[in-house]
Amino acid sequence: MTYEELIQAMTPDMHQSLTRAVELGKWPDGRRLTQEQKDICLRAVIAYDHDNKPEEERVGYISRAKKDGSQHGKDPLQPDTIKILTDDKN
């Protein structure tokens, strides 16, 4: 079974179990996850979320919307103008 097939075969219960394991750093039986297991589980959770959940419900989603519908801060995906200051004392 490939990684992609595994993600597609994942059930919501399996997803919840992996999410909980990453959050707590241990399996349901109390054994600690290794760093490699954490990495693999988190990648699986992110891949599952991408394929099965709307953006606002995915792991790591941060809403930039205020209650009035406007955004907090500026959009990080928009270009930003920078001003270069030089010392012209010569």
PDB file of N, CA and C in Angstrom:
ATOM      1  N   MET A   1       0.845  -1.179   0.000  1.00  0.00           N
ATOM      2  CA  MET A   1       0.000   0.000   0.000  1.00  0.00           C
ATOM      3  C   MET A   1       0.887   1.238   0.000  1.00  0.00           C
ATOM      4  N   THR A   2       0.578   2.187  -0.876  1.00  0.00           N
ATOM      5  CA  THR A   2       1.349   3.427  -0.932  1.00  0.00           C
ATOM      6  C   THR A   2       0.853   4.391   0.143  1.00  0.00           C
ATOM      7  N   TYR A   3       1.625   5.428   0.363  1.00  0.00           N
ATOM      8  CA  TYR A   3       1.262   6.452   1.343  1.00  0.00           C
ATOM      9  C   TYR A   3      -0.070   7.095   0.951  1.00  0.00           C
ATOM     10  N   GLU A   4      -0.241   7.408  -0.343  1.00  0.00           N
ATOM     11  CA  GLU A   4      -1.467   8.029  -0.816  1.00  0.00           C
ATOM     12  C   GLU A   4      -2.675   7.111  -0.598  1.00  0.00           C
ATOM     13  N   GLU A   5      -2.495   5.805  -0.842  1.00  0.00           N
ATOM     14  CA  GLU A   5      -3.579   4.849  -0.615  1.00  0.00           C
ATOM     15  C   GLU A   5      -3.926   4.761   0.870  1.00  0.00           C
ATOM     16  N   LEU A   6      -2.914   4.838   1.698  1.00  0.00           N
ATOM     17  CA  LEU A   6      -3.137   4.812   3.144  1.00  0.00           C
ATOM     18  C   LEU A   6      -3.954   6.023   3.585  1.00  0.00           C
ATOM     19  N   ILE A   7      -3.617   7.195   3.079  1.00  0.00           N
ATOM     20  CA  ILE A   7      -4.355   8.416   3.428  1.00  0.00           C
ATOM     21  C   ILE A   7      -5.803   8.303   2.955  1.00  0.00           C
ATOM     22  N   GLN A   8      -6.003   7.781   1.755  1.00  0.00           N
ATOM     23  CA  GLN A   8      -7.364   7.649   1.222  1.00  0.00           C
ATOM     24  C   GLN A   8      -8.175   6.617   1.993  1.00  0.00           C
ATOM     25  N   ALA A   9      -7.517   5.619   2.566  1.00  0.00           N
ATOM     26  CA  ALA A   9      -8.212   4.579   3.323  1.00  0.00           C
ATOM     27  C   ALA A   9      -8.451   4.979   4.780  1.00  0.00           C
ATOM     28  N   MET A  10      -7.865   6.099   5.202  1.00  0.00           N
ATOM     29  CA  MET A  10      -7.984   6.530   6.590  1.00  0.00           C
ATOM     30  C   MET A  10      -9.426   6.909   6.920  1.00  0.00           C
ATOM     31  N   THR A  11      -9.903   6.439   8.055  1.00  0.00           N
ATOM     32  CA  THR A  11     -11.249   6.773   8.523  1.00  0.00           C
ATOM     33  C   THR A  11     -11.178   7.993   9.447  1.00  0.00           C
ATOM     34  N   PRO A  12     -12.302   8.644   9.685  1.00  0.00           N
ATOM     35  CA  PRO A  12     -12.307   9.762  10.640  1.00  0.00           C
ATOM     36  C   PRO A  12     -11.812   9.346  12.035  1.00  0.00           C
ATOM     37  N   ASP A  13     -12.123   8.124  12.469  1.00  0.00           N
ATOM     38  CA  ASP A  13     -11.638   7.652  13.774  1.00  0.00           C
ATOM     39  C   ASP A  13     -10.118   7.505  13.789  1.00  0.00           C
ATOM     40  N   MET A  14      -9.570   6.995  12.698  1.00  0.00           N
ATOM     41  CA  MET A  14      -8.111   6.867  12.606  1.00  0.00           C
ATOM     42  C   MET A  14      -7.464   8.249  12.621  1.00  0.00           C
ATOM     43  N   HIS A  15      -8.061   9.182  11.883  1.00  0.00           N
ATOM     44  CA  HIS A  15      -7.554  10.557  11.842  1.00  0.00           C
ATOM     45  C   HIS A  15      -7.548  11.170  13.234  1.00  0.00           C
ATOM     46  N   GLN A  16      -8.650  10.989  13.965  1.00  0.00           N
ATOM     47  CA  GLN A  16      -8.752  11.529  15.323  1.00  0.00           C
ATOM     48  C   GLN A  16      -7.709  10.902  16.240  1.00  0.00           C
ATOM     49  N   SER A  17      -7.489   9.611  16.099  1.00  0.00           N
ATOM     50  CA  SER A  17      -6.505   8.919  16.926  1.00  0.00           C
ATOM     51  C   SER A  17      -5.088   9.431  16.643  1.00  0.00           C
ATOM     52  N   LEU A  18      -4.762   9.635  15.371  1.00  0.00           N
ATOM     53  CA  LEU A  18      -3.433  10.158  15.026  1.00  0.00           C
ATOM     54  C   LEU A  18      -3.278  11.595  15.510  1.00  0.00           C
ATOM     55  N   THR A  19      -4.332  12.389  15.359  1.00  0.00           N
ATOM     56  CA  THR A  19      -4.291  13.776  15.826  1.00  0.00           C
ATOM     57  C   THR A  19      -4.037  13.820  17.331  1.00  0.00           C
ATOM     58  N   ARG A  20      -4.750  12.998  18.058  1.00  0.00           N
ATOM     59  CA  ARG A  20      -4.603  12.949  19.524  1.00  0.00           C
ATOM     60  C   ARG A  20      -3.199  12.482  19.909  1.00  0.00           C
ATOM     61  N   ALA A  21      -2.678  11.499  19.190  1.00  0.00           N
ATOM     62  CA  ALA A  21      -1.327  10.999  19.479  1.00  0.00           C
ATOM     63  C   ALA A  21      -0.287  12.105  19.291  1.00  0.00           C
ATOM     64  N   VAL A  22      -0.439  12.886  18.226  1.00  0.00           N
ATOM     65  CA  VAL A  22       0.503  13.990  17.993  1.00  0.00           C
ATOM     66  C   VAL A  22       0.357  15.043  19.080  1.00  0.00           C
ATOM     67  N   GLU A  23      -0.877  15.372  19.451  1.00  0.00           N
ATOM     68  CA  GLU A  23      -1.117  16.384  20.493  1.00  0.00           C
ATOM     69  C   GLU A  23      -0.480  15.992  21.817  1.00  0.00           C
ATOM     70  N   LEU A  24      -0.653  14.717  22.200  1.00  0.00           N
ATOM     71  CA  LEU A  24      -0.171  14.254  23.511  1.00  0.00           C
ATOM     72  C   LEU A  24       1.262  13.740  23.476  1.00  0.00           C
ATOM     73  N   GLY A  25       1.734  13.367  22.283  1.00  0.00           N
ATOM     74  CA  GLY A  25       3.078  12.816  22.168  1.00  0.00           C
ATOM     75  C   GLY A  25       3.163  11.363  22.594  1.00  0.00           C
ATOM     76  N   LYS A  26       1.987  10.697  22.640  1.00  0.00           N
ATOM     77  CA  LYS A  26       1.990   9.282  23.020  1.00  0.00           C
ATOM     78  C   LYS A  26       0.799   8.579  22.390  1.00  0.00           C
ATOM     79  N   TRP A  27       0.925   7.261  22.265  1.00  0.00           N
ATOM     80  CA  TRP A  27      -0.133   6.423  21.730  1.00  0.00           C
ATOM     81  C   TRP A  27      -1.199   6.206  22.803  1.00  0.00           C
ATOM     82  N   PRO A  28      -2.390   5.743  22.412  1.00  0.00           N
ATOM     83  CA  PRO A  28      -3.447   5.512  23.409  1.00  0.00           C
ATOM     84  C   PRO A  28      -3.036   4.572  24.548  1.00  0.00           C
ATOM     85  N   ASP A  29      -2.086   3.655  24.280  1.00  0.00           N
ATOM     86  CA  ASP A  29      -1.646   2.739  25.341  1.00  0.00           C
ATOM     87  C   ASP A  29      -0.562   3.341  26.239  1.00  0.00           C
ATOM     88  N   GLY A  30      -0.202   4.608  25.993  1.00  0.00           N
ATOM     89  CA  GLY A  30       0.756   5.302  26.853  1.00  0.00           C
ATOM     90  C   GLY A  30       2.193   5.326  26.362  1.00  0.00           C
ATOM     91  N   ARG A  31       2.513   4.548  25.328  1.00  0.00           N
ATOM     92  CA  ARG A  31       3.887   4.570  24.798  1.00  0.00           C
ATOM     93  C   ARG A  31       4.146   5.896  24.095  1.00  0.00           C
ATOM     94  N   ARG A  32       5.344   6.432  24.321  1.00  0.00           N
ATOM     95  CA  ARG A  32       5.714   7.705  23.708  1.00  0.00           C
ATOM     96  C   ARG A  32       5.979   7.539  22.218  1.00  0.00           C
ATOM     97  N   LEU A  33       5.590   8.549  21.430  1.00  0.00           N
ATOM     98  CA  LEU A  33       5.908   8.572  20.006  1.00  0.00           C
ATOM     99  C   LEU A  33       7.355   9.002  19.832  1.00  0.00           C
ATOM    100  N   THR A  34       8.042   8.364  18.902  1.00  0.00           N
ATOM    101  CA  THR A  34       9.374   8.829  18.541  1.00  0.00           C
ATOM    102  C   THR A  34       9.208  10.067  17.665  1.00  0.00           C
ATOM    103  N   GLN A  35      10.265  10.819  17.448  1.00  0.00           N
ATOM    104  CA  GLN A  35      10.185  12.001  16.588  1.00  0.00           C
ATOM    105  C   GLN A  35       9.763  11.591  15.181  1.00  0.00           C
ATOM    106  N   GLU A  36      10.268  10.467  14.695  1.00  0.00           N
ATOM    107  CA  GLU A  36       9.885   9.993  13.371  1.00  0.00           C
ATOM    108  C   GLU A  36       8.388   9.667  13.303  1.00  0.00           C
ATOM    109  N   GLN A  37       7.863   9.038  14.347  1.00  0.00           N
ATOM    110  CA  GLN A  37       6.431   8.730  14.392  1.00  0.00           C
ATOM    111  C   GLN A  37       5.594  10.007  14.433  1.00  0.00           C
ATOM    112  N   LYS A  38       6.042  11.006  15.200  1.00  0.00           N
ATOM    113  CA  LYS A  38       5.332  12.285  15.243  1.00  0.00           C
ATOM    114  C   LYS A  38       5.285  12.921  13.857  1.00  0.00           C
ATOM    115  N   ASP A  39       6.423  12.915  13.172  1.00  0.00           N
ATOM    116  CA  ASP A  39       6.505  13.503  11.839  1.00  0.00           C
ATOM    117  C   ASP A  39       5.564  12.804  10.863  1.00  0.00           C
ATOM    118  N   ILE A  40       5.584  11.483  10.873  1.00  0.00           N
ATOM    119  CA  ILE A  40       4.745  10.706   9.963  1.00  0.00           C
ATOM    120  C   ILE A  40       3.267  10.914  10.275  1.00  0.00           C
ATOM    121  N   CYS A  41       2.914  10.879  11.549  1.00  0.00           N
ATOM    122  CA  CYS A  41       1.520  11.073  11.948  1.00  0.00           C
ATOM    123  C   CYS A  41       1.026  12.465  11.575  1.00  0.00           C
ATOM    124  N   LEU A  42       1.840  13.472  11.817  1.00  0.00           N
ATOM    125  CA  LEU A  42       1.432  14.839  11.505  1.00  0.00           C
ATOM    126  C   LEU A  42       1.257  15.014   9.996  1.00  0.00           C
ATOM    127  N   ARG A  43       2.169  14.452   9.217  1.00  0.00           N
ATOM    128  CA  ARG A  43       2.023  14.523   7.752  1.00  0.00           C
ATOM    129  C   ARG A  43       0.737  13.840   7.308  1.00  0.00           C
ATOM    130  N   ALA A  44       0.417  12.709   7.916  1.00  0.00           N
ATOM    131  CA  ALA A  44      -0.810  11.985   7.562  1.00  0.00           C
ATOM    132  C   ALA A  44      -2.046  12.806   7.926  1.00  0.00           C
ATOM    133  N   VAL A  45      -2.033  13.438   9.096  1.00  0.00           N
ATOM    134  CA  VAL A  45      -3.154  14.269   9.534  1.00  0.00           C
ATOM    135  C   VAL A  45      -3.338  15.451   8.577  1.00  0.00           C
ATOM    136  N   ILE A  46      -2.257  16.097   8.197  1.00  0.00           N
ATOM    137  CA  ILE A  46      -2.323  17.237   7.278  1.00  0.00           C
ATOM    138  C   ILE A  46      -2.839  16.794   5.915  1.00  0.00           C
ATOM    139  N   ALA A  47      -2.336  15.669   5.409  1.00  0.00           N
ATOM    140  CA  ALA A  47      -2.785  15.159   4.104  1.00  0.00           C
ATOM    141  C   ALA A  47      -4.264  14.802   4.143  1.00  0.00           C
ATOM    142  N   TYR A  48      -4.705  14.155   5.207  1.00  0.00           N
ATOM    143  CA  TYR A  48      -6.122  13.790   5.359  1.00  0.00           C
ATOM    144  C   TYR A  48      -6.977  15.052   5.396  1.00  0.00           C
ATOM    145  N   ASP A  49      -6.561  16.025   6.193  1.00  0.00           N
ATOM    146  CA  ASP A  49      -7.309  17.277   6.298  1.00  0.00           C
ATOM    147  C   ASP A  49      -7.441  17.948   4.939  1.00  0.00           C
ATOM    148  N   HIS A  50      -6.346  17.975   4.188  1.00  0.00           N
ATOM    149  CA  HIS A  50      -6.345  18.629   2.876  1.00  0.00           C
ATOM    150  C   HIS A  50      -7.379  18.000   1.949  1.00  0.00           C
ATOM    151  N   ASP A  51      -7.501  16.683   2.003  1.00  0.00           N
ATOM    152  CA  ASP A  51      -8.408  15.965   1.113  1.00  0.00           C
ATOM    153  C   ASP A  51      -9.854  15.899   1.617  1.00  0.00           C
ATOM    154  N   ASN A  52     -10.075  16.081   2.918  1.00  0.00           N
ATOM    155  CA  ASN A  52     -11.392  15.795   3.486  1.00  0.00           C
ATOM    156  C   ASN A  52     -12.044  16.912   4.284  1.00  0.00           C
ATOM    157  N   LYS A  53     -11.361  18.007   4.490  1.00  0.00           N
ATOM    158  CA  LYS A  53     -11.936  19.067   5.323  1.00  0.00           C
ATOM    159  C   LYS A  53     -11.855  20.419   4.625  1.00  0.00           C
ATOM    160  N   PRO A  54     -12.811  21.308   4.909  1.00  0.00           N
ATOM    161  CA  PRO A  54     -12.693  22.668   4.372  1.00  0.00           C
ATOM    162  C   PRO A  54     -11.503  23.371   5.027  1.00  0.00           C
ATOM    163  N   GLU A  55     -10.968  24.361   4.342  1.00  0.00           N
ATOM    164  CA  GLU A  55      -9.745  25.031   4.791  1.00  0.00           C
ATOM    165  C   GLU A  55      -9.801  25.488   6.239  1.00  0.00           C
ATOM    166  N   GLU A  56     -10.940  26.056   6.663  1.00  0.00           N
ATOM    167  CA  GLU A  56     -11.030  26.611   8.014  1.00  0.00           C
ATOM    168  C   GLU A  56     -11.065  25.547   9.103  1.00  0.00           C
ATOM    169  N   GLU A  57     -11.202  24.266   8.746  1.00  0.00           N
ATOM    170  CA  GLU A  57     -11.209  23.182   9.736  1.00  0.00           C
ATOM    171  C   GLU A  57      -9.902  22.384   9.748  1.00  0.00           C
ATOM    172  N   ARG A  58      -8.951  22.747   8.918  1.00  0.00           N
ATOM    173  CA  ARG A  58      -7.698  21.997   8.806  1.00  0.00           C
ATOM    174  C   ARG A  58      -6.727  22.337   9.936  1.00  0.00           C
ATOM    175  N   VAL A  59      -5.845  21.389  10.207  1.00  0.00           N
ATOM    176  CA  VAL A  59      -4.789  21.598  11.200  1.00  0.00           C
ATOM    177  C   VAL A  59      -3.946  22.806  10.780  1.00  0.00           C
ATOM    178  N   GLY A  60      -3.711  23.707  11.719  1.00  0.00           N
ATOM    179  CA  GLY A  60      -2.852  24.852  11.461  1.00  0.00           C
ATOM    180  C   GLY A  60      -3.546  26.055  10.851  1.00  0.00           C
ATOM    181  N   TYR A  61      -4.838  25.962  10.583  1.00  0.00           N
ATOM    182  CA  TYR A  61      -5.541  27.095   9.976  1.00  0.00           C
ATOM    183  C   TYR A  61      -5.620  28.248  10.965  1.00  0.00           C
ATOM    184  N   ILE A  62      -5.335  29.450  10.473  1.00  0.00           N
ATOM    185  CA  ILE A  62      -5.442  30.651  11.287  1.00  0.00           C
ATOM    186  C   ILE A  62      -6.353  31.626  10.560  1.00  0.00           C
ATOM    187  N   SER A  63      -7.459  31.958  11.183  1.00  0.00           N
ATOM    188  CA  SER A  63      -8.391  32.909  10.579  1.00  0.00           C
ATOM    189  C   SER A  63      -7.850  34.320  10.758  1.00  0.00           C
ATOM    190  N   ARG A  64      -7.880  35.079   9.681  1.00  0.00           N
ATOM    191  CA  ARG A  64      -7.437  36.473   9.734  1.00  0.00           C
ATOM    192  C   ARG A  64      -8.630  37.420   9.778  1.00  0.00           C
ATOM    193  N   ALA A  65      -9.850  36.866   9.840  1.00  0.00           N
ATOM    194  CA  ALA A  65     -11.047  37.696   9.789  1.00  0.00           C
ATOM    195  C   ALA A  65     -11.413  38.246  11.162  1.00  0.00           C
ATOM    196  N   LYS A  66     -11.846  39.493  11.149  1.00  0.00           N
ATOM    197  CA  LYS A  66     -12.399  40.106  12.346  1.00  0.00           C
ATOM    198  C   LYS A  66     -13.903  39.875  12.340  1.00  0.00           C
ATOM    199  N   LYS A  67     -14.560  40.183  13.431  1.00  0.00           N
ATOM    200  CA  LYS A  67     -16.008  40.004  13.524  1.00  0.00           C
ATOM    201  C   LYS A  67     -16.762  40.845  12.492  1.00  0.00           C
ATOM    202  N   ASP A  68     -16.191  41.984  12.116  1.00  0.00           N
ATOM    203  CA  ASP A  68     -16.869  42.845  11.143  1.00  0.00           C
ATOM    204  C   ASP A  68     -16.586  42.440   9.694  1.00  0.00           C
ATOM    205  N   GLY A  69     -15.821  41.373   9.490  1.00  0.00           N
ATOM    206  CA  GLY A  69     -15.541  40.884   8.141  1.00  0.00           C
ATOM    207  C   GLY A  69     -14.223  41.355   7.559  1.00  0.00           C
ATOM    208  N   SER A  70     -13.607  42.369   8.158  1.00  0.00           N
ATOM    209  CA  SER A  70     -12.307  42.828   7.670  1.00  0.00           C
ATOM    210  C   SER A  70     -11.212  41.894   8.180  1.00  0.00           C
ATOM    211  N   GLN A  71      -9.975  42.118   7.708  1.00  0.00           N
ATOM    212  CA  GLN A  71      -8.866  41.255   8.102  1.00  0.00           C
ATOM    213  C   GLN A  71      -7.962  41.927   9.114  1.00  0.00           C
ATOM    214  N   HIS A  72      -7.360  41.093   9.972  1.00  0.00           N
ATOM    215  CA  HIS A  72      -6.310  41.575  10.870  1.00  0.00           C
ATOM    216  C   HIS A  72      -5.038  41.733  10.053  1.00  0.00           C
ATOM    217  N   GLY A  73      -4.358  42.820  10.210  1.00  0.00           N
ATOM    218  CA  GLY A  73      -3.073  43.008   9.546  1.00  0.00           C
ATOM    219  C   GLY A  73      -3.209  42.983   8.038  1.00  0.00           C
ATOM    220  N   LYS A  74      -2.061  42.902   7.381  1.00  0.00           N
ATOM    221  CA  LYS A  74      -2.075  42.868   5.927  1.00  0.00           C
ATOM    222  C   LYS A  74      -1.992  41.428   5.435  1.00  0.00           C
ATOM    223  N   ASP A  75      -2.381  41.218   4.213  1.00  0.00           N
ATOM    224  CA  ASP A  75      -2.369  39.894   3.616  1.00  0.00           C
ATOM    225  C   ASP A  75      -0.923  39.507   3.308  1.00  0.00           C
ATOM    226  N   PRO A  76      -0.403  38.419   3.908  1.00  0.00           N
ATOM    227  CA  PRO A  76       1.000  38.050   3.699  1.00  0.00           C
ATOM    228  C   PRO A  76       1.288  37.568   2.280  1.00  0.00           C
ATOM    229  N   LEU A  77       0.265  37.304   1.494  1.00  0.00           N
ATOM    230  CA  LEU A  77       0.475  36.846   0.124  1.00  0.00           C
ATOM    231  C   LEU A  77       0.536  37.992  -0.882  1.00  0.00           C
ATOM    232  N   GLN A  78       0.203  39.200  -0.442  1.00  0.00           N
ATOM    233  CA  GLN A  78       0.258  40.360  -1.326  1.00  0.00           C
ATOM    234  C   GLN A  78       1.667  40.951  -1.322  1.00  0.00           C
ATOM    235  N   PRO A  79       2.092  41.492  -2.477  1.00  0.00           N
ATOM    236  CA  PRO A  79       3.430  42.103  -2.529  1.00  0.00           C
ATOM    237  C   PRO A  79       3.513  43.281  -1.566  1.00  0.00           C
ATOM    238  N   ASP A  80       4.691  43.521  -1.079  1.00  0.00           N
ATOM    239  CA  ASP A  80       4.919  44.592  -0.128  1.00  0.00           C
ATOM    240  C   ASP A  80       5.963  45.538  -0.702  1.00  0.00           C
ATOM    241  N   THR A  81       5.728  46.823  -0.572  1.00  0.00           N
ATOM    242  CA  THR A  81       6.681  47.819  -1.052  1.00  0.00           C
ATOM    243  C   THR A  81       7.691  48.093   0.057  1.00  0.00           C
ATOM    244  N   ILE A  82       8.958  48.091  -0.311  1.00  0.00           N
ATOM    245  CA  ILE A  82       9.987  48.402   0.672  1.00  0.00           C
ATOM    246  C   ILE A  82      10.677  49.700   0.266  1.00  0.00           C
ATOM    247  N   LYS A  83      11.201  50.390   1.235  1.00  0.00           N
ATOM    248  CA  LYS A  83      11.916  51.638   0.992  1.00  0.00           C
ATOM    249  C   LYS A  83      13.362  51.436   1.416  1.00  0.00           C
ATOM    250  N   ILE A  84      14.275  51.693   0.495  1.00  0.00           N
ATOM    251  CA  ILE A  84      15.699  51.525   0.787  1.00  0.00           C
ATOM    252  C   ILE A  84      16.281  52.898   1.095  1.00  0.00           C
ATOM    253  N   LEU A  85      16.856  53.024   2.268  1.00  0.00           N
ATOM    254  CA  LEU A  85      17.473  54.275   2.693  1.00  0.00           C
ATOM    255  C   LEU A  85      18.964  54.144   2.502  1.00  0.00           C
ATOM    256  N   THR A  86      19.547  55.195   1.948  1.00  0.00           N
ATOM    257  CA  THR A  86      20.997  55.193   1.764  1.00  0.00           C
ATOM    258  C   THR A  86      21.589  56.372   2.504  1.00  0.00           C
ATOM    259  N   ASP A  87      22.835  56.257   2.834  1.00  0.00           N
ATOM    260  CA  ASP A  87      23.564  57.330   3.507  1.00  0.00           C
ATOM    261  C   ASP A  87      24.352  58.071   2.438  1.00  0.00           C
ATOM    262  N   ASP A  88      23.850  59.216   1.968  1.00  0.00           N
ATOM    263  CA  ASP A  88      24.481  59.976   0.876  1.00  0.00           C
ATOM    264  C   ASP A  88      25.339  61.108   1.427  1.00  0.00           C
ATOM    265  N   LYS A  89      26.237  60.818   2.340  1.00  0.00           N
ATOM    266  CA  LYS A  89      27.082  61.854   2.937  1.00  0.00           C
ATOM    267  C   LYS A  89      28.358  62.066   2.128  1.00  0.00           C
ATOM    268  N   ASN A  90      28.578  61.341   1.058  1.00  0.00           N
ATOM    269  CA  ASN A  90      29.806  61.470   0.264  1.00  0.00           C
ATOM    270  C   ASN A  90      29.742  62.595  -0.690  1.00  0.00           C
TER     271      ASN A  90
END
